[in-house]
PDB file of N, CA and C in Angstrom:
ATOM      1  N   MET A   1      56.538 204.752   9.357  1.00  0.00           N
ATOM      2  CA  MET A   1      55.304 205.233   8.740  1.00  0.00           C
ATOM      3  C   MET A   1      55.266 206.746   8.799  1.00  0.00           C
ATOM      4  N   LEU A   2      54.879 207.381   7.764  1.00  0.00           N
ATOM      5  CA  LEU A   2      54.791 208.840   7.731  1.00  0.00           C
ATOM      6  C   LEU A   2      53.513 209.321   8.404  1.00  0.00           C
ATOM      7  N   PRO A   3      53.557 210.504   9.021  1.00  0.00           N
ATOM      8  CA  PRO A   3      52.330 211.034   9.642  1.00  0.00           C
ATOM      9  C   PRO A   3      51.249 211.209   8.595  1.00  0.00           C
ATOM     10  N   VAL A   4      50.005 211.019   9.009  1.00  0.00           N
ATOM     11  CA  VAL A   4      48.869 211.200   8.138  1.00  0.00           C
ATOM     12  C   VAL A   4      48.682 212.701   7.903  1.00  0.00           C
ATOM     13  N   GLN A   5      48.491 213.106   6.647  1.00  0.00           N
ATOM     14  CA  GLN A   5      48.272 214.512   6.353  1.00  0.00           C
ATOM     15  C   GLN A   5      46.893 214.934   6.792  1.00  0.00           C
ATOM     16  N   GLN A   6      46.816 216.018   7.517  1.00  0.00           N
ATOM     17  CA  GLN A   6      45.540 216.543   8.005  1.00  0.00           C
ATOM     18  C   GLN A   6      45.184 217.761   7.183  1.00  0.00           C
ATOM     19  N   THR A   7      44.006 217.724   6.518  1.00  0.00           N
ATOM     20  CA  THR A   7      43.627 218.815   5.631  1.00  0.00           C
ATOM     21  C   THR A   7      42.752 219.841   6.312  1.00  0.00           C
ATOM     22  N   GLU A   8      41.997 219.441   7.314  1.00  0.00           N
ATOM     23  CA  GLU A   8      41.165 220.372   8.055  1.00  0.00           C
ATOM     24  C   GLU A   8      41.902 220.753   9.339  1.00  0.00           C
ATOM     25  N   SER A   9      41.296 221.681  10.082  1.00  0.00           N
ATOM     26  CA  SER A   9      41.896 221.987  11.380  1.00  0.00           C
ATOM     27  C   SER A   9      41.812 220.720  12.223  1.00  0.00           C
ATOM     28  N   PRO A  10      42.833 220.470  13.061  1.00  0.00           N
ATOM     29  CA  PRO A  10      42.873 219.223  13.808  1.00  0.00           C
ATOM     30  C   PRO A  10      41.617 218.980  14.658  1.00  0.00           C
ATOM     31  N   ALA A  11      41.146 219.990  15.359  1.00  0.00           N
ATOM     32  CA  ALA A  11      39.960 219.784  16.206  1.00  0.00           C
ATOM     33  C   ALA A  11      38.721 219.437  15.429  1.00  0.00           C
ATOM     34  N   ALA A  12      38.614 219.946  14.193  1.00  0.00           N
ATOM     35  CA  ALA A  12      37.448 219.660  13.345  1.00  0.00           C
ATOM     36  C   ALA A  12      37.440 218.203  12.918  1.00  0.00           C
ATOM     37  N   GLN A  13      38.597 217.591  12.826  1.00  0.00           N
ATOM     38  CA  GLN A  13      38.668 216.182  12.406  1.00  0.00           C
ATOM     39  C   GLN A  13      38.366 215.223  13.536  1.00  0.00           C
ATOM     40  N   GLY A  14      38.646 215.580  14.760  1.00  0.00           N
ATOM     41  CA  GLY A  14      38.446 214.685  15.875  1.00  0.00           C
ATOM     42  C   GLY A  14      39.741 214.221  16.494  1.00  0.00           C
ATOM     43  N   TRP A  15      39.708 213.130  17.167  1.00  0.00           N
ATOM     44  CA  TRP A  15      40.841 212.614  17.924  1.00  0.00           C
ATOM     45  C   TRP A  15      41.504 211.440  17.239  1.00  0.00           C
ATOM     46  N   TRP A  16      42.828 211.404  17.318  1.00  0.00           N
ATOM     47  CA  TRP A  16      43.660 210.377  16.707  1.00  0.00           C
ATOM     48  C   TRP A  16      44.300 209.527  17.779  1.00  0.00           C
ATOM     49  N   LEU A  17      44.434 208.237  17.520  1.00  0.00           N
ATOM     50  CA  LEU A  17      45.245 207.357  18.322  1.00  0.00           C
ATOM     51  C   LEU A  17      46.535 207.110  17.566  1.00  0.00           C
ATOM     52  N   TYR A  18      47.669 207.142  18.279  1.00  0.00           N
ATOM     53  CA  TYR A  18      48.940 206.955  17.595  1.00  0.00           C
ATOM     54  C   TYR A  18      49.872 206.047  18.401  1.00  0.00           C
ATOM     55  N   LEU A  19      50.833 205.456  17.691  1.00  0.00           N
ATOM     56  CA  LEU A  19      51.868 204.646  18.309  1.00  0.00           C
ATOM     57  C   LEU A  19      53.228 205.222  17.895  1.00  0.00           C
ATOM     58  N   ILE A  20      54.071 205.435  18.893  1.00  0.00           N
ATOM     59  CA  ILE A  20      55.415 205.948  18.663  1.00  0.00           C
ATOM     60  C   ILE A  20      56.420 204.878  19.100  1.00  0.00           C
ATOM     61  N   ARG A  21      57.455 204.649  18.272  1.00  0.00           N
ATOM     62  CA  ARG A  21      58.503 203.693  18.626  1.00  0.00           C
ATOM     63  C   ARG A  21      59.701 204.469  19.193  1.00  0.00           C
ATOM     64  N   MET A  22      60.201 203.985  20.328  1.00  0.00           N
ATOM     65  CA  MET A  22      61.384 204.562  20.954  1.00  0.00           C
ATOM     66  C   MET A  22      62.611 203.900  20.386  1.00  0.00           C
ATOM     67  N   ALA A  23      63.802 204.450  20.644  1.00  0.00           N
ATOM     68  CA  ALA A  23      65.043 203.885  20.156  1.00  0.00           C
ATOM     69  C   ALA A  23      65.240 202.463  20.634  1.00  0.00           C
ATOM     70  N   SER A  24      64.715 202.131  21.819  1.00  0.00           N
ATOM     71  CA  SER A  24      64.831 200.777  22.381  1.00  0.00           C
ATOM     72  C   SER A  24      63.907 199.772  21.703  1.00  0.00           C
ATOM     73  N   GLY A  25      62.977 200.270  20.883  1.00  0.00           N
ATOM     74  CA  GLY A  25      62.018 199.390  20.227  1.00  0.00           C
ATOM     75  C   GLY A  25      60.684 199.339  20.943  1.00  0.00           C
ATOM     76  N   ARG A  26      60.610 199.891  22.145  1.00  0.00           N
ATOM     77  CA  ARG A  26      59.337 199.909  22.880  1.00  0.00           C
ATOM     78  C   ARG A  26      58.354 200.820  22.152  1.00  0.00           C
ATOM     79  N   LEU A  27      57.071 200.554  22.348  1.00  0.00           N
ATOM     80  CA  LEU A  27      55.997 201.335  21.706  1.00  0.00           C
ATOM     81  C   LEU A  27      55.212 202.112  22.758  1.00  0.00           C
ATOM     82  N   TYR A  28      54.926 203.356  22.423  1.00  0.00           N
ATOM     83  CA  TYR A  28      54.143 204.249  23.261  1.00  0.00           C
ATOM     84  C   TYR A  28      52.831 204.533  22.542  1.00  0.00           C
ATOM     85  N   CYS A  29      51.728 204.441  23.250  1.00  0.00           N
ATOM     86  CA  CYS A  29      50.410 204.733  22.675  1.00  0.00           C
ATOM     87  C   CYS A  29      49.881 206.026  23.260  1.00  0.00           C
ATOM     88  N   GLY A  30      49.310 206.890  22.431  1.00  0.00           N
ATOM     89  CA  GLY A  30      48.735 208.163  22.914  1.00  0.00           C
ATOM     90  C   GLY A  30      47.615 208.594  22.010  1.00  0.00           C
ATOM     91  N   ILE A  31      46.976 209.687  22.426  1.00  0.00           N
ATOM     92  CA  ILE A  31      45.882 210.288  21.630  1.00  0.00           C
ATOM     93  C   ILE A  31      46.138 211.772  21.491  1.00  0.00           C
ATOM     94  N   SER A  32      45.636 212.359  20.424  1.00  0.00           N
ATOM     95  CA  SER A  32      45.804 213.788  20.179  1.00  0.00           C
ATOM     96  C   SER A  32      44.841 214.231  19.084  1.00  0.00           C
ATOM     97  N   THR A  33      44.592 215.530  19.031  1.00  0.00           N
ATOM     98  CA  THR A  33      43.848 216.078  17.902  1.00  0.00           C
ATOM     99  C   THR A  33      44.778 216.460  16.764  1.00  0.00           C
ATOM    100  N   ASP A  34      46.084 216.541  17.048  1.00  0.00           N
ATOM    101  CA  ASP A  34      47.083 216.925  16.056  1.00  0.00           C
ATOM    102  C   ASP A  34      48.331 216.062  16.285  1.00  0.00           C
ATOM    103  N   VAL A  35      48.452 214.982  15.558  1.00  0.00           N
ATOM    104  CA  VAL A  35      49.541 214.005  15.754  1.00  0.00           C
ATOM    105  C   VAL A  35      50.901 214.610  15.452  1.00  0.00           C
ATOM    106  N   ALA A  36      51.028 215.414  14.408  1.00  0.00           N
ATOM    107  CA  ALA A  36      52.314 216.008  14.061  1.00  0.00           C
ATOM    108  C   ALA A  36      52.815 216.929  15.172  1.00  0.00           C
ATOM    109  N   ARG A  37      51.923 217.760  15.696  1.00  0.00           N
ATOM    110  CA  ARG A  37      52.268 218.661  16.806  1.00  0.00           C
ATOM    111  C   ARG A  37      52.673 217.858  18.050  1.00  0.00           C
ATOM    112  N   ARG A  38      51.907 216.826  18.332  1.00  0.00           N
ATOM    113  CA  ARG A  38      52.181 216.021  19.535  1.00  0.00           C
ATOM    114  C   ARG A  38      53.527 215.299  19.412  1.00  0.00           C
ATOM    115  N   LEU A  39      53.852 214.801  18.240  1.00  0.00           N
ATOM    116  CA  LEU A  39      55.145 214.123  18.024  1.00  0.00           C
ATOM    117  C   LEU A  39      56.278 215.122  18.286  1.00  0.00           C
ATOM    118  N   LYS A  40      56.136 216.335  17.776  1.00  0.00           N
ATOM    119  CA  LYS A  40      57.165 217.367  18.021  1.00  0.00           C
ATOM    120  C   LYS A  40      57.298 217.652  19.518  1.00  0.00           C
ATOM    121  N   GLU A  41      56.194 217.710  20.226  1.00  0.00           N
ATOM    122  CA  GLU A  41      56.236 217.925  21.678  1.00  0.00           C
ATOM    123  C   GLU A  41      56.984 216.782  22.354  1.00  0.00           C
ATOM    124  N   HIS A  42      56.693 215.559  21.955  1.00  0.00           N
ATOM    125  CA  HIS A  42      57.383 214.390  22.535  1.00  0.00           C
ATOM    126  C   HIS A  42      58.875 214.425  22.259  1.00  0.00           C
ATOM    127  N   GLN A  43      59.265 214.934  21.088  1.00  0.00           N
ATOM    128  CA  GLN A  43      60.642 214.875  20.672  1.00  0.00           C
ATOM    129  C   GLN A  43      61.554 215.915  21.357  1.00  0.00           C
ATOM    130  N   GLY A  44      60.991 216.893  21.993  1.00  0.00           N
ATOM    131  CA  GLY A  44      61.917 217.857  22.589  1.00  0.00           C
ATOM    132  C   GLY A  44      61.303 218.946  23.412  1.00  0.00           C
ATOM    133  N   SER A  45      60.045 218.822  23.741  1.00  0.00           N
ATOM    134  CA  SER A  45      59.364 219.869  24.493  1.00  0.00           C
ATOM    135  C   SER A  45      59.069 219.369  25.913  1.00  0.00           C
ATOM    136  N   ALA A  46      58.962 220.312  26.826  1.00  0.00           N
ATOM    137  CA  ALA A  46      58.575 219.965  28.179  1.00  0.00           C
ATOM    138  C   ALA A  46      57.122 219.445  28.230  1.00  0.00           C
ATOM    139  N   LYS A  47      56.372 219.656  27.138  1.00  0.00           N
ATOM    140  CA  LYS A  47      54.985 219.210  27.070  1.00  0.00           C
ATOM    141  C   LYS A  47      54.882 217.739  26.679  1.00  0.00           C
ATOM    142  N   GLY A  48      55.969 217.122  26.288  1.00  0.00           N
ATOM    143  CA  GLY A  48      55.983 215.725  25.888  1.00  0.00           C
ATOM    144  C   GLY A  48      55.775 214.805  27.088  1.00  0.00           C
ATOM    145  N   ALA A  49      55.340 213.610  26.811  1.00  0.00           N
ATOM    146  CA  ALA A  49      55.111 212.627  27.878  1.00  0.00           C
ATOM    147  C   ALA A  49      56.432 212.267  28.593  1.00  0.00           C
ATOM    148  N   ARG A  50      56.371 212.159  29.900  1.00  0.00           N
ATOM    149  CA  ARG A  50      57.568 211.789  30.686  1.00  0.00           C
ATOM    150  C   ARG A  50      58.139 210.436  30.269  1.00  0.00           C
ATOM    151  N   ALA A  51      57.267 209.529  29.885  1.00  0.00           N
ATOM    152  CA  ALA A  51      57.709 208.198  29.500  1.00  0.00           C
ATOM    153  C   ALA A  51      58.607 208.199  28.271  1.00  0.00           C
ATOM    154  N   LEU A  52      58.571 209.289  27.505  1.00  0.00           N
ATOM    155  CA  LEU A  52      59.366 209.367  26.263  1.00  0.00           C
ATOM    156  C   LEU A  52      60.610 210.235  26.395  1.00  0.00           C
ATOM    157  N   ARG A  53      60.755 210.912  27.498  1.00  0.00           N
ATOM    158  CA  ARG A  53      61.927 211.793  27.662  1.00  0.00           C
ATOM    159  C   ARG A  53      63.228 210.979  27.717  1.00  0.00           C
ATOM    160  N   GLY A  54      64.169 211.378  26.871  1.00  0.00           N
ATOM    161  CA  GLY A  54      65.450 210.689  26.832  1.00  0.00           C
ATOM    162  C   GLY A  54      65.397 209.336  26.159  1.00  0.00           C
ATOM    163  N   LYS A  55      64.307 209.029  25.480  1.00  0.00           N
ATOM    164  CA  LYS A  55      64.141 207.714  24.845  1.00  0.00           C
ATOM    165  C   LYS A  55      64.274 207.776  23.319  1.00  0.00           C
ATOM    166  N   GLY A  56      64.730 208.918  22.809  1.00  0.00           N
ATOM    167  CA  GLY A  56      64.781 209.135  21.346  1.00  0.00           C
ATOM    168  C   GLY A  56      65.882 208.392  20.684  1.00  0.00           C
ATOM    169  N   PRO A  57      65.901 208.415  19.347  1.00  0.00           N
ATOM    170  CA  PRO A  57      64.932 209.109  18.490  1.00  0.00           C
ATOM    171  C   PRO A  57      63.585 208.410  18.500  1.00  0.00           C
ATOM    172  N   LEU A  58      62.540 209.208  18.324  1.00  0.00           N
ATOM    173  CA  LEU A  58      61.175 208.694  18.322  1.00  0.00           C
ATOM    174  C   LEU A  58      60.660 208.666  16.885  1.00  0.00           C
ATOM    175  N   THR A  59      59.911 207.610  16.567  1.00  0.00           N
ATOM    176  CA  THR A  59      59.359 207.444  15.226  1.00  0.00           C
ATOM    177  C   THR A  59      57.882 207.190  15.301  1.00  0.00           C
ATOM    178  N   LEU A  60      57.104 207.965  14.580  1.00  0.00           N
ATOM    179  CA  LEU A  60      55.667 207.710  14.480  1.00  0.00           C
ATOM    180  C   LEU A  60      55.445 206.467  13.630  1.00  0.00           C
ATOM    181  N   GLU A  61      54.871 205.450  14.210  1.00  0.00           N
ATOM    182  CA  GLU A  61      54.661 204.168  13.512  1.00  0.00           C
ATOM    183  C   GLU A  61      53.243 203.999  13.003  1.00  0.00           C
ATOM    184  N   PHE A  62      52.281 204.592  13.694  1.00  0.00           N
ATOM    185  CA  PHE A  62      50.870 204.355  13.358  1.00  0.00           C
ATOM    186  C   PHE A  62      50.026 205.549  13.851  1.00  0.00           C
ATOM    187  N   SER A  63      49.039 205.918  13.073  1.00  0.00           N
ATOM    188  CA  SER A  63      48.039 206.875  13.537  1.00  0.00           C
ATOM    189  C   SER A  63      46.729 206.625  12.808  1.00  0.00           C
ATOM    190  N   GLN A  64      45.647 206.792  13.558  1.00  0.00           N
ATOM    191  CA  GLN A  64      44.324 206.590  12.975  1.00  0.00           C
ATOM    192  C   GLN A  64      43.301 207.483  13.671  1.00  0.00           C
ATOM    193  N   LEU A  65      42.448 208.105  12.888  1.00  0.00           N
ATOM    194  CA  LEU A  65      41.368 208.900  13.413  1.00  0.00           C
ATOM    195  C   LEU A  65      40.370 207.951  14.086  1.00  0.00           C
ATOM    196  N   VAL A  66      40.001 208.273  15.340  1.00  0.00           N
ATOM    197  CA  VAL A  66      39.129 207.340  16.080  1.00  0.00           C
ATOM    198  C   VAL A  66      37.838 207.983  16.573  1.00  0.00           C
ATOM    199  N   GLY A  67      37.612 209.275  16.362  1.00  0.00           N
ATOM    200  CA  GLY A  67      36.352 209.865  16.771  1.00  0.00           C
ATOM    201  C   GLY A  67      36.534 210.903  17.841  1.00  0.00           C
ATOM    202  N   ASP A  68      35.597 210.953  18.770  1.00  0.00           N
ATOM    203  CA  ASP A  68      35.630 211.993  19.799  1.00  0.00           C
ATOM    204  C   ASP A  68      36.601 211.619  20.938  1.00  0.00           C
ATOM    205  N   ARG A  69      36.791 212.551  21.859  1.00  0.00           N
ATOM    206  CA  ARG A  69      37.775 212.368  22.919  1.00  0.00           C
ATOM    207  C   ARG A  69      37.447 211.192  23.819  1.00  0.00           C
ATOM    208  N   SER A  70      36.196 211.040  24.146  1.00  0.00           N
ATOM    209  CA  SER A  70      35.779 209.948  25.021  1.00  0.00           C
ATOM    210  C   SER A  70      36.127 208.587  24.406  1.00  0.00           C
ATOM    211  N   ARG A  71      35.796 208.423  23.145  1.00  0.00           N
ATOM    212  CA  ARG A  71      36.090 207.169  22.445  1.00  0.00           C
ATOM    213  C   ARG A  71      37.600 206.958  22.365  1.00  0.00           C
ATOM    214  N   ALA A  72      38.330 208.039  22.058  1.00  0.00           N
ATOM    215  CA  ALA A  72      39.794 207.941  21.941  1.00  0.00           C
ATOM    216  C   ALA A  72      40.426 207.499  23.269  1.00  0.00           C
ATOM    217  N   LEU A  73      39.965 208.045  24.380  1.00  0.00           N
ATOM    218  CA  LEU A  73      40.503 207.674  25.687  1.00  0.00           C
ATOM    219  C   LEU A  73      40.225 206.214  26.013  1.00  0.00           C
ATOM    220  N   ARG A  74      39.018 205.768  25.720  1.00  0.00           N
ATOM    221  CA  ARG A  74      38.668 204.373  25.994  1.00  0.00           C
ATOM    222  C   ARG A  74      39.459 203.423  25.098  1.00  0.00           C
ATOM    223  N   LEU A  75      39.654 203.812  23.848  1.00  0.00           N
ATOM    224  CA  LEU A  75      40.406 202.958  22.924  1.00  0.00           C
ATOM    225  C   LEU A  75      41.888 202.947  23.306  1.00  0.00           C
ATOM    226  N   GLU A  76      42.432 204.080  23.686  1.00  0.00           N
ATOM    227  CA  GLU A  76      43.818 204.142  24.134  1.00  0.00           C
ATOM    228  C   GLU A  76      44.041 203.186  25.319  1.00  0.00           C
ATOM    229  N   TYR A  77      43.128 203.185  26.255  1.00  0.00           N
ATOM    230  CA  TYR A  77      43.242 202.313  27.404  1.00  0.00           C
ATOM    231  C   TYR A  77      43.280 200.852  26.972  1.00  0.00           C
ATOM    232  N   ARG A  78      42.438 200.484  26.017  1.00  0.00           N
ATOM    233  CA  ARG A  78      42.402 199.094  25.524  1.00  0.00           C
ATOM    234  C   ARG A  78      43.702 198.737  24.813  1.00  0.00           C
ATOM    235  N   ILE A  79      44.210 199.645  23.950  1.00  0.00           N
ATOM    236  CA  ILE A  79      45.419 199.353  23.181  1.00  0.00           C
ATOM    237  C   ILE A  79      46.616 199.246  24.089  1.00  0.00           C
ATOM    238  N   LYS A  80      46.677 200.056  25.127  1.00  0.00           N
ATOM    239  CA  LYS A  80      47.792 200.001  26.068  1.00  0.00           C
ATOM    240  C   LYS A  80      47.863 198.626  26.763  1.00  0.00           C
ATOM    241  N   ARG A  81      46.759 197.915  26.810  1.00  0.00           N
ATOM    242  CA  ARG A  81      46.724 196.590  27.428  1.00  0.00           C
ATOM    243  C   ARG A  81      47.071 195.496  26.458  1.00  0.00           C
ATOM    244  N   TRP A  82      47.174 195.786  25.160  1.00  0.00           N
ATOM    245  CA  TRP A  82      47.566 194.803  24.155  1.00  0.00           C
ATOM    246  C   TRP A  82      49.026 194.407  24.374  1.00  0.00           C
ATOM    247  N   SER A  83      49.351 193.221  23.899  1.00  0.00           N
ATOM    248  CA  SER A  83      50.739 192.801  23.899  1.00  0.00           C
ATOM    249  C   SER A  83      51.512 193.581  22.823  1.00  0.00           C
ATOM    250  N   LYS A  84      52.847 193.591  22.945  1.00  0.00           N
ATOM    251  CA  LYS A  84      53.635 194.262  21.923  1.00  0.00           C
ATOM    252  C   LYS A  84      53.426 193.597  20.572  1.00  0.00           C
ATOM    253  N   ALA A  85      53.274 192.275  20.556  1.00  0.00           N
ATOM    254  CA  ALA A  85      53.056 191.543  19.316  1.00  0.00           C
ATOM    255  C   ALA A  85      51.785 192.043  18.609  1.00  0.00           C
ATOM    256  N   ASP A  86      50.723 192.278  19.382  1.00  0.00           N
ATOM    257  CA  ASP A  86      49.473 192.771  18.777  1.00  0.00           C
ATOM    258  C   ASP A  86      49.653 194.185  18.234  1.00  0.00           C
ATOM    259  N   LYS A  87      50.391 195.019  18.940  1.00  0.00           N
ATOM    260  CA  LYS A  87      50.658 196.369  18.485  1.00  0.00           C
ATOM    261  C   LYS A  87      51.486 196.339  17.192  1.00  0.00           C
ATOM    262  N   GLU A  88      52.447 195.427  17.109  1.00  0.00           N
ATOM    263  CA  GLU A  88      53.241 195.282  15.901  1.00  0.00           C
ATOM    264  C   GLU A  88      52.377 194.839  14.726  1.00  0.00           C
ATOM    265  N   LYS A  89      51.409 193.941  14.986  1.00  0.00           N
ATOM    266  CA  LYS A  89      50.469 193.525  13.925  1.00  0.00           C
ATOM    267  C   LYS A  89      49.635 194.706  13.425  1.00  0.00           C
ATOM    268  N   LEU A  90      49.235 195.555  14.348  1.00  0.00           N
ATOM    269  CA  LEU A  90      48.476 196.749  13.961  1.00  0.00           C
ATOM    270  C   LEU A  90      49.328 197.632  13.063  1.00  0.00           C
ATOM    271  N   ILE A  91      50.586 197.849  13.402  1.00  0.00           N
ATOM    272  CA  ILE A  91      51.491 198.650  12.606  1.00  0.00           C
ATOM    273  C   ILE A  91      51.677 198.067  11.210  1.00  0.00           C
ATOM    274  N   ARG A  92      51.817 196.746  11.130  1.00  0.00           N
ATOM    275  CA  ARG A  92      52.021 196.080   9.847  1.00  0.00           C
ATOM    276  C   ARG A  92      50.728 195.939   9.030  1.00  0.00           C
ATOM    277  N   GLY A  93      49.589 196.255   9.619  1.00  0.00           N
ATOM    278  CA  GLY A  93      48.306 196.143   8.926  1.00  0.00           C
ATOM    279  C   GLY A  93      47.701 194.756   9.010  1.00  0.00           C
ATOM    280  N   GLU A  94      48.257 193.901   9.886  1.00  0.00           N
ATOM    281  CA  GLU A  94      47.700 192.550  10.053  1.00  0.00           C
ATOM    282  C   GLU A  94      46.583 192.513  11.091  1.00  0.00           C
ATOM    283  N   LYS A  95      46.383 193.588  11.771  1.00  0.00           N
ATOM    284  CA  LYS A  95      45.322 193.710  12.773  1.00  0.00           C
ATOM    285  C   LYS A  95      44.717 195.110  12.622  1.00  0.00           C
ATOM    286  N   THR A  96      43.446 195.242  12.911  1.00  0.00           N
ATOM    287  CA  THR A  96      42.795 196.535  12.800  1.00  0.00           C
ATOM    288  C   THR A  96      42.206 196.951  14.146  1.00  0.00           C
ATOM    289  N   LEU A  97      41.828 198.201  14.234  1.00  0.00           N
ATOM    290  CA  LEU A  97      41.189 198.710  15.433  1.00  0.00           C
ATOM    291  C   LEU A  97      39.664 198.437  15.402  1.00  0.00           C
ATOM    292  N   ALA A  98      39.164 197.926  14.316  1.00  0.00           N
ATOM    293  CA  ALA A  98      37.719 197.814  14.113  1.00  0.00           C
ATOM    294  C   ALA A  98      37.019 197.094  15.275  1.00  0.00           C
ATOM    295  N   ASP A  99      37.507 195.943  15.690  1.00  0.00           N
ATOM    296  CA  ASP A  99      36.858 195.199  16.765  1.00  0.00           C
ATOM    297  C   ASP A  99      36.867 195.977  18.084  1.00  0.00           C
ATOM    298  N   ASP A 100      37.985 196.603  18.362  1.00  0.00           N
ATOM    299  CA  ASP A 100      38.092 197.371  19.614  1.00  0.00           C
ATOM    300  C   ASP A 100      37.252 198.659  19.572  1.00  0.00           C
ATOM    301  N   VAL A 101      37.188 199.266  18.406  1.00  0.00           N
ATOM    302  CA  VAL A 101      36.348 200.490  18.281  1.00  0.00           C
ATOM    303  C   VAL A 101      34.888 200.114  18.532  1.00  0.00           C
ATOM    304  N   GLU A 102      34.436 199.001  17.968  1.00  0.00           N
ATOM    305  CA  GLU A 102      33.048 198.566  18.166  1.00  0.00           C
ATOM    306  C   GLU A 102      32.811 198.212  19.625  1.00  0.00           C
ATOM    307  N   ALA A 103      33.764 197.597  20.300  1.00  0.00           N
ATOM    308  CA  ALA A 103      33.625 197.283  21.717  1.00  0.00           C
ATOM    309  C   ALA A 103      33.551 198.550  22.565  1.00  0.00           C
ATOM    310  N   VAL A 104      34.332 199.568  22.192  1.00  0.00           N
ATOM    311  CA  VAL A 104      34.326 200.826  22.912  1.00  0.00           C
ATOM    312  C   VAL A 104      32.994 201.531  22.722  1.00  0.00           C
ATOM    313  N   VAL A 105      32.445 201.470  21.530  1.00  0.00           N
ATOM    314  CA  VAL A 105      31.174 202.114  21.233  1.00  0.00           C
ATOM    315  C   VAL A 105      30.056 201.430  22.073  1.00  0.00           C
ATOM    316  N   ALA A 106      30.172 200.136  22.261  1.00  0.00           N
ATOM    317  CA  ALA A 106      29.159 199.389  23.009  1.00  0.00           C
ATOM    318  C   ALA A 106      29.232 199.657  24.498  1.00  0.00           C
ATOM    319  N   ASP A 107      30.399 200.148  24.995  1.00  0.00           N
ATOM    320  CA  ASP A 107      30.530 200.419  26.445  1.00  0.00           C
ATOM    321  C   ASP A 107      29.594 201.468  26.900  1.00  0.00           C
TER     322      ASP A 107
END
């Protein structure tokens, strides 16, 4: 999946939840205000997540704008607890974040 084009400044748009696929097929979930920048950091910068170091090549599989930082953090926590099968369904469009976003808002 190609990164979503951001037309405004990243911070003005809010926070994004994203899934990155490692060479092994494992999926990594994270949040950022600028997904393209964060992917570049993961791919070769000391600022990238330790979990992704040496796991390349990395592919952005999914990204979605989810709101403010607090909501993004809570949603990231929930997605990280999903099974790999559920994350794959999200990537294929067979599952949405809608139910989880509403649950996070209710927290």
